[in-house]
PDB file of N, CA and C in Angstrom:
ATOM      1  N   UNK A   1     -17.901  12.082 -43.414  1.00  0.00           N
ATOM      2  CA  UNK A   1     -16.446  12.196 -43.410  1.00  0.00           C
ATOM      3  C   UNK A   1     -15.805  10.864 -43.800  1.00  0.00           C
ATOM      4  N   UNK A   2     -16.319   9.776 -43.223  1.00  0.00           N
ATOM      5  CA  UNK A   2     -15.735   8.476 -43.508  1.00  0.00           C
ATOM      6  C   UNK A   2     -15.876   8.120 -44.987  1.00  0.00           C
ATOM      7  N   UNK A   3     -16.983   8.511 -45.594  1.00  0.00           N
ATOM      8  CA  UNK A   3     -17.186   8.248 -47.021  1.00  0.00           C
ATOM      9  C   UNK A   3     -16.127   8.956 -47.858  1.00  0.00           C
ATOM     10  N   UNK A   4     -15.775  10.183 -47.455  1.00  0.00           N
ATOM     11  CA  UNK A   4     -14.720  10.913 -48.172  1.00  0.00           C
ATOM     12  C   UNK A   4     -13.392  10.179 -48.087  1.00  0.00           C
ATOM     13  N   UNK A   5     -13.106   9.664 -46.897  1.00  0.00           N
ATOM     14  CA  UNK A   5     -11.840   8.956 -46.691  1.00  0.00           C
ATOM     15  C   UNK A   5     -11.796   7.679 -47.523  1.00  0.00           C
ATOM     16  N   UNK A   6     -12.870   6.902 -47.499  1.00  0.00           N
ATOM     17  CA  UNK A   6     -12.862   5.644 -48.255  1.00  0.00           C
ATOM     18  C   UNK A   6     -12.862   5.903 -49.762  1.00  0.00           C
ATOM     19  N   UNK A   7     -13.525   6.964 -50.196  1.00  0.00           N
ATOM     20  CA  UNK A   7     -13.508   7.320 -51.623  1.00  0.00           C
ATOM     21  C   UNK A   7     -12.094   7.713 -52.044  1.00  0.00           C
ATOM     22  N   UNK A   8     -11.439   8.524 -51.224  1.00  0.00           N
ATOM     23  CA  UNK A   8     -10.061   8.930 -51.526  1.00  0.00           C
ATOM     24  C   UNK A   8      -9.145   7.711 -51.574  1.00  0.00           C
ATOM     25  N   UNK A   9      -9.307   6.801 -50.603  1.00  0.00           N
ATOM     26  CA  UNK A   9      -8.480   5.595 -50.549  1.00  0.00           C
ATOM     27  C   UNK A   9      -8.683   4.767 -51.818  1.00  0.00           C
ATOM     28  N   UNK A  10      -9.919   4.653 -52.267  1.00  0.00           N
ATOM     29  CA  UNK A  10     -10.219   3.893 -53.472  1.00  0.00           C
ATOM     30  C   UNK A  10      -9.553   4.529 -54.694  1.00  0.00           C
ATOM     31  N   UNK A  11      -9.563   5.855 -54.758  1.00  0.00           N
ATOM     32  CA  UNK A  11      -8.940   6.569 -55.879  1.00  0.00           C
ATOM     33  C   UNK A  11      -7.427   6.361 -55.905  1.00  0.00           C
ATOM     34  N   UNK A  12      -6.850   6.045 -54.773  1.00  0.00           N
ATOM     35  CA  UNK A  12      -5.399   5.805 -54.701  1.00  0.00           C
ATOM     36  C   UNK A  12      -5.047   4.359 -55.023  1.00  0.00           C
ATOM     37  N   UNK A  13      -6.024   3.586 -55.496  1.00  0.00           N
ATOM     38  CA  UNK A  13      -5.857   2.163 -55.810  1.00  0.00           C
ATOM     39  C   UNK A  13      -5.421   1.350 -54.599  1.00  0.00           C
ATOM     40  N   UNK A  14      -5.956   1.704 -53.454  1.00  0.00           N
ATOM     41  CA  UNK A  14      -5.661   0.952 -52.246  1.00  0.00           C
ATOM     42  C   UNK A  14      -6.614  -0.234 -52.152  1.00  0.00           C
ATOM     43  N   UNK A  15      -6.176  -1.287 -51.504  1.00  0.00           N
ATOM     44  CA  UNK A  15      -7.017  -2.465 -51.338  1.00  0.00           C
ATOM     45  C   UNK A  15      -8.017  -2.272 -50.190  1.00  0.00           C
ATOM     46  N   UNK A  16      -7.759  -1.309 -49.338  1.00  0.00           N
ATOM     47  CA  UNK A  16      -8.649  -1.088 -48.196  1.00  0.00           C
ATOM     48  C   UNK A  16      -9.587   0.076 -48.517  1.00  0.00           C
ATOM     49  N   UNK A  17     -10.587  -0.197 -49.322  1.00  0.00           N
ATOM     50  CA  UNK A  17     -11.494   0.847 -49.768  1.00  0.00           C
ATOM     51  C   UNK A  17     -12.870   0.710 -49.144  1.00  0.00           C
ATOM     52  N   UNK A  18     -12.953  -0.039 -48.065  1.00  0.00           N
ATOM     53  CA  UNK A  18     -14.238  -0.243 -47.408  1.00  0.00           C
ATOM     54  C   UNK A  18     -14.252   0.480 -46.069  1.00  0.00           C
ATOM     55  N   UNK A  19     -15.447   0.703 -45.564  1.00  0.00           N
ATOM     56  CA  UNK A  19     -15.586   1.353 -44.257  1.00  0.00           C
ATOM     57  C   UNK A  19     -15.077   0.427 -43.160  1.00  0.00           C
ATOM     58  N   UNK A  20     -14.598   1.013 -42.101  1.00  0.00           N
ATOM     59  CA  UNK A  20     -14.100   0.215 -40.979  1.00  0.00           C
ATOM     60  C   UNK A  20     -15.210  -0.643 -40.404  1.00  0.00           C
ATOM     61  N   UNK A  21     -14.874  -1.840 -39.930  1.00  0.00           N
ATOM     62  CA  UNK A  21     -15.873  -2.768 -39.412  1.00  0.00           C
ATOM     63  C   UNK A  21     -16.612  -2.217 -38.193  1.00  0.00           C
ATOM     64  N   UNK A  22     -15.950  -1.371 -37.436  1.00  0.00           N
ATOM     65  CA  UNK A  22     -16.626  -0.819 -36.257  1.00  0.00           C
ATOM     66  C   UNK A  22     -17.483   0.392 -36.604  1.00  0.00           C
ATOM     67  N   UNK A  23     -17.430   0.796 -37.852  1.00  0.00           N
ATOM     68  CA  UNK A  23     -18.342   1.825 -38.358  1.00  0.00           C
ATOM     69  C   UNK A  23     -18.279   3.149 -37.619  1.00  0.00           C
ATOM     70  N   UNK A  24     -19.446   3.677 -37.279  1.00  0.00           N
ATOM     71  CA  UNK A  24     -19.537   5.010 -36.682  1.00  0.00           C
ATOM     72  C   UNK A  24     -19.051   5.050 -35.240  1.00  0.00           C
ATOM     73  N   UNK A  25     -18.855   3.902 -34.621  1.00  0.00           N
ATOM     74  CA  UNK A  25     -18.388   3.879 -33.240  1.00  0.00           C
ATOM     75  C   UNK A  25     -17.037   4.568 -33.117  1.00  0.00           C
ATOM     76  N   UNK A  26     -16.179   4.392 -34.114  1.00  0.00           N
ATOM     77  CA  UNK A  26     -14.849   4.994 -34.057  1.00  0.00           C
ATOM     78  C   UNK A  26     -14.909   6.513 -34.045  1.00  0.00           C
ATOM     79  N   UNK A  27     -15.965   7.085 -34.593  1.00  0.00           N
ATOM     80  CA  UNK A  27     -16.111   8.539 -34.579  1.00  0.00           C
ATOM     81  C   UNK A  27     -16.291   9.083 -33.168  1.00  0.00           C
ATOM     82  N   UNK A  28     -16.704   8.233 -32.238  1.00  0.00           N
ATOM     83  CA  UNK A  28     -16.921   8.654 -30.848  1.00  0.00           C
ATOM     84  C   UNK A  28     -15.668   8.475 -29.995  1.00  0.00           C
ATOM     85  N   UNK A  29     -14.655   7.849 -30.545  1.00  0.00           N
ATOM     86  CA  UNK A  29     -13.413   7.626 -29.799  1.00  0.00           C
ATOM     87  C   UNK A  29     -12.669   8.937 -29.623  1.00  0.00           C
ATOM     88  N   UNK A  30     -12.003   9.058 -28.521  1.00  0.00           N
ATOM     89  CA  UNK A  30     -11.168  10.229 -28.288  1.00  0.00           C
ATOM     90  C   UNK A  30      -9.899   9.809 -27.549  1.00  0.00           C
ATOM     91  N   UNK A  31      -8.898  10.620 -27.677  1.00  0.00           N
ATOM     92  CA  UNK A  31      -7.616  10.332 -27.044  1.00  0.00           C
ATOM     93  C   UNK A  31      -7.683  10.813 -25.605  1.00  0.00           C
ATOM     94  N   UNK A  32      -7.227   9.985 -24.708  1.00  0.00           N
ATOM     95  CA  UNK A  32      -7.212  10.331 -23.293  1.00  0.00           C
ATOM     96  C   UNK A  32      -5.873  10.994 -22.965  1.00  0.00           C
ATOM     97  N   UNK A  33      -5.864  12.304 -22.694  1.00  0.00           N
ATOM     98  CA  UNK A  33      -4.594  13.018 -22.463  1.00  0.00           C
ATOM     99  C   UNK A  33      -3.767  12.441 -21.317  1.00  0.00           C
ATOM    100  N   UNK A  34      -4.411  11.924 -20.294  1.00  0.00           N
ATOM    101  CA  UNK A  34      -3.668  11.378 -19.159  1.00  0.00           C
ATOM    102  C   UNK A  34      -2.784  10.225 -19.597  1.00  0.00           C
ATOM    103  N   UNK A  35      -3.316   9.341 -20.441  1.00  0.00           N
ATOM    104  CA  UNK A  35      -2.520   8.204 -20.895  1.00  0.00           C
ATOM    105  C   UNK A  35      -1.357   8.655 -21.766  1.00  0.00           C
ATOM    106  N   UNK A  36      -1.569   9.672 -22.577  1.00  0.00           N
ATOM    107  CA  UNK A  36      -0.468  10.197 -23.384  1.00  0.00           C
ATOM    108  C   UNK A  36       0.646  10.722 -22.491  1.00  0.00           C
ATOM    109  N   UNK A  37       0.270  11.448 -21.445  1.00  0.00           N
ATOM    110  CA  UNK A  37       1.265  11.997 -20.525  1.00  0.00           C
ATOM    111  C   UNK A  37       2.000  10.871 -19.801  1.00  0.00           C
ATOM    112  N   UNK A  38       1.261   9.862 -19.327  1.00  0.00           N
ATOM    113  CA  UNK A  38       1.895   8.746 -18.632  1.00  0.00           C
ATOM    114  C   UNK A  38       2.850   7.999 -19.554  1.00  0.00           C
ATOM    115  N   UNK A  39       2.429   7.762 -20.793  1.00  0.00           N
ATOM    116  CA  UNK A  39       3.292   7.065 -21.742  1.00  0.00           C
ATOM    117  C   UNK A  39       4.545   7.877 -22.037  1.00  0.00           C
ATOM    118  N   UNK A  40       4.385   9.176 -22.226  1.00  0.00           N
ATOM    119  CA  UNK A  40       5.537  10.037 -22.510  1.00  0.00           C
ATOM    120  C   UNK A  40       6.504  10.046 -21.331  1.00  0.00           C
ATOM    121  N   UNK A  41       5.970  10.143 -20.116  1.00  0.00           N
ATOM    122  CA  UNK A  41       6.841  10.136 -18.941  1.00  0.00           C
ATOM    123  C   UNK A  41       7.556   8.798 -18.791  1.00  0.00           C
ATOM    124  N   UNK A  42       6.885   7.719 -19.135  1.00  0.00           N
ATOM    125  CA  UNK A  42       7.512   6.402 -19.086  1.00  0.00           C
ATOM    126  C   UNK A  42       8.676   6.303 -20.050  1.00  0.00           C
ATOM    127  N   UNK A  43       8.497   6.831 -21.245  1.00  0.00           N
ATOM    128  CA  UNK A  43       9.563   6.814 -22.254  1.00  0.00           C
ATOM    129  C   UNK A  43      10.742   7.654 -21.794  1.00  0.00           C
ATOM    130  N   UNK A  44      10.448   8.848 -21.273  1.00  0.00           N
ATOM    131  CA  UNK A  44      11.516   9.731 -20.785  1.00  0.00           C
ATOM    132  C   UNK A  44      12.265   9.058 -19.642  1.00  0.00           C
ATOM    133  N   UNK A  45      11.528   8.432 -18.733  1.00  0.00           N
ATOM    134  CA  UNK A  45      12.186   7.782 -17.598  1.00  0.00           C
ATOM    135  C   UNK A  45      13.100   6.650 -18.056  1.00  0.00           C
ATOM    136  N   UNK A  46      12.676   5.864 -19.037  1.00  0.00           N
ATOM    137  CA  UNK A  46      13.527   4.789 -19.552  1.00  0.00           C
ATOM    138  C   UNK A  46      14.829   5.335 -20.109  1.00  0.00           C
ATOM    139  N   UNK A  47      14.741   6.438 -20.841  1.00  0.00           N
ATOM    140  CA  UNK A  47      15.946   7.050 -21.410  1.00  0.00           C
ATOM    141  C   UNK A  47      16.863   7.538 -20.295  1.00  0.00           C
ATOM    142  N   UNK A  48      16.288   8.218 -19.301  1.00  0.00           N
ATOM    143  CA  UNK A  48      17.086   8.739 -18.179  1.00  0.00           C
ATOM    144  C   UNK A  48      17.708   7.589 -17.390  1.00  0.00           C
ATOM    145  N   UNK A  49      16.938   6.541 -17.164  1.00  0.00           N
ATOM    146  CA  UNK A  49      17.455   5.399 -16.411  1.00  0.00           C
ATOM    147  C   UNK A  49      18.607   4.711 -17.144  1.00  0.00           C
ATOM    148  N   UNK A  50      18.461   4.510 -18.451  1.00  0.00           N
ATOM    149  CA  UNK A  50      19.544   3.896 -19.233  1.00  0.00           C
ATOM    150  C   UNK A  50      20.806   4.758 -19.173  1.00  0.00           C
ATOM    151  N   UNK A  51      20.625   6.054 -19.285  1.00  0.00           N
ATOM    152  CA  UNK A  51      21.775   6.970 -19.222  1.00  0.00           C
ATOM    153  C   UNK A  51      22.432   6.913 -17.847  1.00  0.00           C
ATOM    154  N   UNK A  52      21.618   6.877 -16.808  1.00  0.00           N
ATOM    155  CA  UNK A  52      22.155   6.817 -15.443  1.00  0.00           C
ATOM    156  C   UNK A  52      22.933   5.528 -15.215  1.00  0.00           C
ATOM    157  N   UNK A  53      22.405   4.420 -15.693  1.00  0.00           N
ATOM    158  CA  UNK A  53      23.100   3.136 -15.536  1.00  0.00           C
ATOM    159  C   UNK A  53      24.421   3.168 -16.299  1.00  0.00           C
ATOM    160  N   UNK A  54      24.392   3.717 -17.511  1.00  0.00           N
ATOM    161  CA  UNK A  54      25.619   3.779 -18.320  1.00  0.00           C
ATOM    162  C   UNK A  54      26.677   4.654 -17.664  1.00  0.00           C
ATOM    163  N   UNK A  55      26.261   5.749 -17.046  1.00  0.00           N
ATOM    164  CA  UNK A  55      27.226   6.675 -16.436  1.00  0.00           C
ATOM    165  C   UNK A  55      27.638   6.260 -15.028  1.00  0.00           C
ATOM    166  N   UNK A  56      26.998   5.272 -14.458  1.00  0.00           N
ATOM    167  CA  UNK A  56      27.310   4.871 -13.082  1.00  0.00           C
ATOM    168  C   UNK A  56      28.511   3.940 -12.994  1.00  0.00           C
ATOM    169  N   UNK A  57      28.870   3.303 -14.098  1.00  0.00           N
ATOM    170  CA  UNK A  57      30.013   2.375 -14.119  1.00  0.00           C
ATOM    171  C   UNK A  57      29.956   1.387 -12.952  1.00  0.00           C
ATOM    172  N   UNK A  58      28.836   0.723 -12.821  1.00  0.00           N
ATOM    173  CA  UNK A  58      28.655  -0.249 -11.740  1.00  0.00           C
ATOM    174  C   UNK A  58      29.394  -1.530 -12.113  1.00  0.00           C
ATOM    175  N   UNK A  59      30.179  -2.036 -11.186  1.00  0.00           N
ATOM    176  CA  UNK A  59      30.966  -3.247 -11.468  1.00  0.00           C
ATOM    177  C   UNK A  59      30.048  -4.460 -11.537  1.00  0.00           C
ATOM    178  N   UNK A  60      30.428  -5.449 -12.330  1.00  0.00           N
ATOM    179  CA  UNK A  60      29.614  -6.666 -12.449  1.00  0.00           C
ATOM    180  C   UNK A  60      29.473  -7.419 -11.120  1.00  0.00           C
ATOM    181  N   UNK A  61      30.374  -7.159 -10.192  1.00  0.00           N
ATOM    182  CA  UNK A  61      30.294  -7.847  -8.893  1.00  0.00           C
ATOM    183  C   UNK A  61      29.193  -7.274  -7.997  1.00  0.00           C
ATOM    184  N   UNK A  62      28.663  -6.134  -8.377  1.00  0.00           N
ATOM    185  CA  UNK A  62      27.592  -5.495  -7.601  1.00  0.00           C
ATOM    186  C   UNK A  62      26.291  -6.255  -7.846  1.00  0.00           C
ATOM    187  N   UNK A  63      25.826  -6.951  -6.829  1.00  0.00           N
ATOM    188  CA  UNK A  63      24.633  -7.797  -6.962  1.00  0.00           C
ATOM    189  C   UNK A  63      23.428  -7.252  -6.201  1.00  0.00           C
ATOM    190  N   UNK A  64      23.614  -6.172  -5.467  1.00  0.00           N
ATOM    191  CA  UNK A  64      22.539  -5.635  -4.639  1.00  0.00           C
ATOM    192  C   UNK A  64      22.517  -4.112  -4.749  1.00  0.00           C
ATOM    193  N   UNK A  65      21.322  -3.557  -4.637  1.00  0.00           N
ATOM    194  CA  UNK A  65      21.206  -2.097  -4.698  1.00  0.00           C
ATOM    195  C   UNK A  65      21.997  -1.432  -3.569  1.00  0.00           C
ATOM    196  N   UNK A  66      22.073  -2.085  -2.432  1.00  0.00           N
ATOM    197  CA  UNK A  66      22.796  -1.504  -1.294  1.00  0.00           C
ATOM    198  C   UNK A  66      24.295  -1.378  -1.559  1.00  0.00           C
ATOM    199  N   UNK A  67      24.809  -2.097  -2.565  1.00  0.00           N
ATOM    200  CA  UNK A  67      26.235  -2.021  -2.909  1.00  0.00           C
ATOM    201  C   UNK A  67      26.543  -0.955  -3.953  1.00  0.00           C
ATOM    202  N   UNK A  68      25.525  -0.315  -4.481  1.00  0.00           N
ATOM    203  CA  UNK A  68      25.745   0.730  -5.492  1.00  0.00           C
ATOM    204  C   UNK A  68      26.319   1.960  -4.801  1.00  0.00           C
ATOM    205  N   UNK A  69      27.403   2.527  -5.327  1.00  0.00           N
ATOM    206  CA  UNK A  69      28.003   3.713  -4.712  1.00  0.00           C
ATOM    207  C   UNK A  69      27.011   4.872  -4.629  1.00  0.00           C
ATOM    208  N   UNK A  70      27.019   5.552  -3.497  1.00  0.00           N
ATOM    209  CA  UNK A  70      26.065   6.638  -3.269  1.00  0.00           C
ATOM    210  C   UNK A  70      26.301   7.848  -4.169  1.00  0.00           C
ATOM    211  N   UNK A  71      27.478   7.954  -4.758  1.00  0.00           N
ATOM    212  CA  UNK A  71      27.747   9.084  -5.660  1.00  0.00           C
ATOM    213  C   UNK A  71      27.462   8.742  -7.124  1.00  0.00           C
ATOM    214  N   UNK A  72      26.919   7.540  -7.384  1.00  0.00           N
ATOM    215  CA  UNK A  72      26.612   7.153  -8.762  1.00  0.00           C
ATOM    216  C   UNK A  72      25.308   7.800  -9.215  1.00  0.00           C
ATOM    217  N   UNK A  73      25.175   7.977 -10.515  1.00  0.00           N
ATOM    218  CA  UNK A  73      23.958   8.576 -11.085  1.00  0.00           C
ATOM    219  C   UNK A  73      22.728   7.716 -10.798  1.00  0.00           C
ATOM    220  N   UNK A  74      22.877   6.406 -10.884  1.00  0.00           N
ATOM    221  CA  UNK A  74      21.749   5.515 -10.640  1.00  0.00           C
ATOM    222  C   UNK A  74      21.237   5.674  -9.209  1.00  0.00           C
ATOM    223  N   UNK A  75      22.135   5.695  -8.250  1.00  0.00           N
ATOM    224  CA  UNK A  75      21.736   5.863  -6.853  1.00  0.00           C
ATOM    225  C   UNK A  75      21.034   7.203  -6.659  1.00  0.00           C
ATOM    226  N   UNK A  76      21.549   8.243  -7.293  1.00  0.00           N
ATOM    227  CA  UNK A  76      20.956   9.572  -7.141  1.00  0.00           C
ATOM    228  C   UNK A  76      19.536   9.632  -7.712  1.00  0.00           C
ATOM    229  N   UNK A  77      19.319   8.977  -8.847  1.00  0.00           N
ATOM    230  CA  UNK A  77      17.981   8.980  -9.448  1.00  0.00           C
ATOM    231  C   UNK A  77      17.003   8.187  -8.581  1.00  0.00           C
ATOM    232  N   UNK A  78      17.417   7.014  -8.126  1.00  0.00           N
ATOM    233  CA  UNK A  78      16.537   6.214  -7.277  1.00  0.00           C
ATOM    234  C   UNK A  78      16.238   6.950  -5.983  1.00  0.00           C
ATOM    235  N   UNK A  79      17.223   7.594  -5.416  1.00  0.00           N
ATOM    236  CA  UNK A  79      17.038   8.362  -4.198  1.00  0.00           C
ATOM    237  C   UNK A  79      16.058   9.529  -4.430  1.00  0.00           C
ATOM    238  N   UNK A  80      16.171  10.196  -5.579  1.00  0.00           N
ATOM    239  CA  UNK A  80      15.249  11.287  -5.906  1.00  0.00           C
ATOM    240  C   UNK A  80      13.820  10.764  -6.036  1.00  0.00           C
ATOM    241  N   UNK A  81      13.649   9.599  -6.655  1.00  0.00           N
ATOM    242  CA  UNK A  81      12.319   9.003  -6.774  1.00  0.00           C
ATOM    243  C   UNK A  81      11.748   8.633  -5.413  1.00  0.00           C
ATOM    244  N   UNK A  82      12.583   8.079  -4.550  1.00  0.00           N
ATOM    245  CA  UNK A  82      12.125   7.745  -3.197  1.00  0.00           C
ATOM    246  C   UNK A  82      11.667   8.998  -2.465  1.00  0.00           C
ATOM    247  N   UNK A  83      12.424  10.080  -2.606  1.00  0.00           N
ATOM    248  CA  UNK A  83      12.072  11.339  -1.958  1.00  0.00           C
ATOM    249  C   UNK A  83      10.734  11.848  -2.486  1.00  0.00           C
ATOM    250  N   UNK A  84      10.552  11.796  -3.796  1.00  0.00           N
ATOM    251  CA  UNK A  84       9.278  12.248  -4.387  1.00  0.00           C
ATOM    252  C   UNK A  84       8.118  11.402  -3.893  1.00  0.00           C
ATOM    253  N   UNK A  85       8.319  10.091  -3.809  1.00  0.00           N
ATOM    254  CA  UNK A  85       7.248   9.218  -3.335  1.00  0.00           C
ATOM    255  C   UNK A  85       6.910   9.491  -1.876  1.00  0.00           C
ATOM    256  N   UNK A  86       7.923   9.816  -1.080  1.00  0.00           N
ATOM    257  CA  UNK A  86       7.673  10.148   0.316  1.00  0.00           C
ATOM    258  C   UNK A  86       6.918  11.458   0.455  1.00  0.00           C
ATOM    259  N   UNK A  87       7.204  12.396  -0.423  1.00  0.00           N
ATOM    260  CA  UNK A  87       6.538  13.702  -0.374  1.00  0.00           C
ATOM    261  C   UNK A  87       5.098  13.598  -0.875  1.00  0.00           C
ATOM    262  N   UNK A  88       4.910  12.936  -2.016  1.00  0.00           N
ATOM    263  CA  UNK A  88       3.599  12.901  -2.661  1.00  0.00           C
ATOM    264  C   UNK A  88       2.797  11.649  -2.354  1.00  0.00           C
ATOM    265  N   UNK A  89       3.441  10.625  -1.837  1.00  0.00           N
ATOM    266  CA  UNK A  89       2.758   9.346  -1.608  1.00  0.00           C
ATOM    267  C   UNK A  89       2.146   9.304  -0.281  1.00  0.00           C
TER     268      UNK A  89
END
């Protein structure tokens, strides 16, 4: 299979027409589904967290988590995470 790929690459006038330095070892590599799921959840959480912070309208004078209004989106998300950790942790 690798020979087909390198031959095709060479026909496309690519400069990388040689076999990979790690050779056949790469053929044994596989994707770990758990890491994909963790990475995807991390990305989703970052998006949700940014949105929550933007919608919370926290004043610049707020220097502590305890000063965040309890009806803000950020407080609600953190509270939900704490609840989940208490249930599953």
